[in-house]
Amino acid sequence: MWESERAMKTFRGSEPHAKVMPRLAEWCDEAAYAHWAPNGDSVPLWQEAYEHLIAEGRLSRVAHPSPSHDSRHFVKPRLRPLIGIDLKPARKT
């Protein structure tokens, strides 16, 4: 999630994203995205974002699409075991 559309486009055009995206078609057999500006300042719940991907998501071009890609079968986000765990930054060594 980005603060603005401009921030998202800046990320999209910068390294490492811009360098690897041309390889997506060969590396992936499934890929989708959704451009969405939710109302308000709160971050949407994962389930809400997933539902938006189902309703409005676009398929990226992939060279060897899986049956799930072709049928637009998007796997639900796996939120366990990280939800509820007290995550702490890694210590620098």
Protein backbone atom coordinates (compact mmCIF):
# COMPACT_ATOMS: atom_id res chain seq x y z
CA MET A 1 0.00 0.00 0.00
CA TRP A 2 1.35 3.42 -0.94
CA GLU A 3 0.60 6.89 0.38
CA SER A 4 -0.38 8.12 -3.09
CA GLU A 5 -0.60 7.03 -6.70
CA ARG A 6 2.53 9.03 -7.40
CA ALA A 7 4.43 7.08 -4.70
CA MET A 8 3.22 3.81 -6.22
CA LYS A 9 4.36 4.85 -9.70
CA THR A 10 7.74 5.93 -8.32
CA PHE A 11 8.19 2.47 -6.79
CA ARG A 12 6.99 0.77 -9.96
CA GLY A 13 9.58 2.61 -12.04
CA SER A 14 12.53 2.16 -9.68
CA GLU A 15 14.95 -0.65 -8.89
CA PRO A 16 14.64 -3.47 -8.11
CA HIS A 17 10.98 -3.59 -9.28
CA ALA A 18 11.61 -2.12 -12.72
CA LYS A 19 14.51 -4.51 -13.31
CA VAL A 20 12.67 -7.74 -12.49
CA MET A 21 9.21 -7.02 -13.91
CA PRO A 22 10.23 -7.73 -17.54
CA ARG A 23 11.10 -11.26 -16.36
CA LEU A 24 7.70 -11.90 -14.77
CA ALA A 25 6.27 -13.57 -17.87
CA GLU A 26 8.97 -16.25 -17.84
CA TRP A 27 9.34 -16.63 -14.07
CA CYS A 28 5.68 -16.93 -13.10
CA ASP A 29 2.82 -19.15 -14.12
CA GLU A 30 0.31 -17.03 -12.17
CA ALA A 31 0.24 -13.28 -11.67
CA ALA A 32 -2.48 -10.73 -11.01
CA TYR A 33 -2.81 -7.21 -9.68
CA ALA A 34 -5.46 -4.68 -8.76
CA HIS A 35 -5.27 -0.89 -8.79
CA TRP A 36 -7.48 0.30 -5.99
CA ALA A 37 -7.87 3.46 -3.94
CA PRO A 38 -9.91 2.51 -0.84
CA ASN A 39 -11.96 5.15 0.95
CA GLY A 40 -10.52 6.65 4.11
CA ASP A 41 -7.08 6.48 5.66
CA SER A 42 -7.20 2.98 7.12
CA VAL A 43 -5.41 0.00 5.61
CA PRO A 44 -7.96 -2.50 4.26
CA LEU A 45 -8.18 -5.94 5.83
CA TRP A 46 -6.58 -8.78 3.88
CA GLN A 47 -10.02 -10.31 3.21
CA GLU A 48 -11.27 -7.00 1.76
CA ALA A 49 -8.20 -6.71 -0.48
CA TYR A 50 -8.65 -10.34 -1.60
CA GLU A 51 -12.31 -9.72 -2.46
CA HIS A 52 -11.28 -6.68 -4.49
CA LEU A 53 -8.70 -8.77 -6.37
CA ILE A 54 -11.40 -11.33 -7.18
CA ALA A 55 -13.83 -8.65 -8.40
CA GLU A 56 -11.51 -6.17 -10.11
CA GLY A 57 -8.12 -7.89 -10.48
CA ARG A 58 -6.35 -8.06 -13.81
CA LEU A 59 -4.22 -10.93 -14.98
CA SER A 60 -0.63 -10.22 -15.89
CA ARG A 61 0.75 -11.78 -19.05
CA VAL A 62 2.64 -14.98 -18.31
CA ALA A 63 4.29 -17.24 -20.89
CA HIS A 64 3.13 -20.53 -19.38
CA PRO A 65 -0.12 -19.89 -17.47
CA SER A 66 -1.34 -22.46 -14.98
CA PRO A 67 -4.96 -23.64 -15.05
CA SER A 68 -5.55 -21.49 -11.93
CA HIS A 69 -4.25 -18.42 -13.74
CA ASP A 70 -6.49 -18.99 -16.75
CA SER A 71 -9.55 -19.60 -14.56
CA ARG A 72 -8.77 -16.60 -12.32
CA HIS A 73 -8.61 -18.85 -9.25
CA PHE A 74 -6.79 -16.67 -6.74
CA VAL A 75 -5.70 -18.46 -3.58
CA LYS A 76 -6.90 -16.80 -0.39
CA PRO A 77 -4.19 -15.08 1.65
CA ARG A 78 -2.60 -17.31 4.27
CA LEU A 79 -2.56 -15.29 7.46
CA ARG A 80 -1.47 -17.93 9.91
CA PRO A 81 0.97 -18.43 11.65
CA LEU A 82 2.04 -14.74 11.56
CA ILE A 83 -1.19 -13.13 12.75
CA GLY A 84 -1.14 -12.69 16.50
CA ILE A 85 2.57 -13.42 16.92
CA ASP A 86 4.64 -10.69 18.50
CA LEU A 87 7.05 -10.03 15.64
CA LYS A 88 10.27 -8.22 16.46
CA PRO A 89 12.91 -6.74 14.15
CA ALA A 90 15.89 -8.96 13.50
CA ARG A 91 19.05 -8.06 15.42
CA LYS A 92 21.92 -6.77 13.36
CA THR A 93 24.94 -9.03 13.57
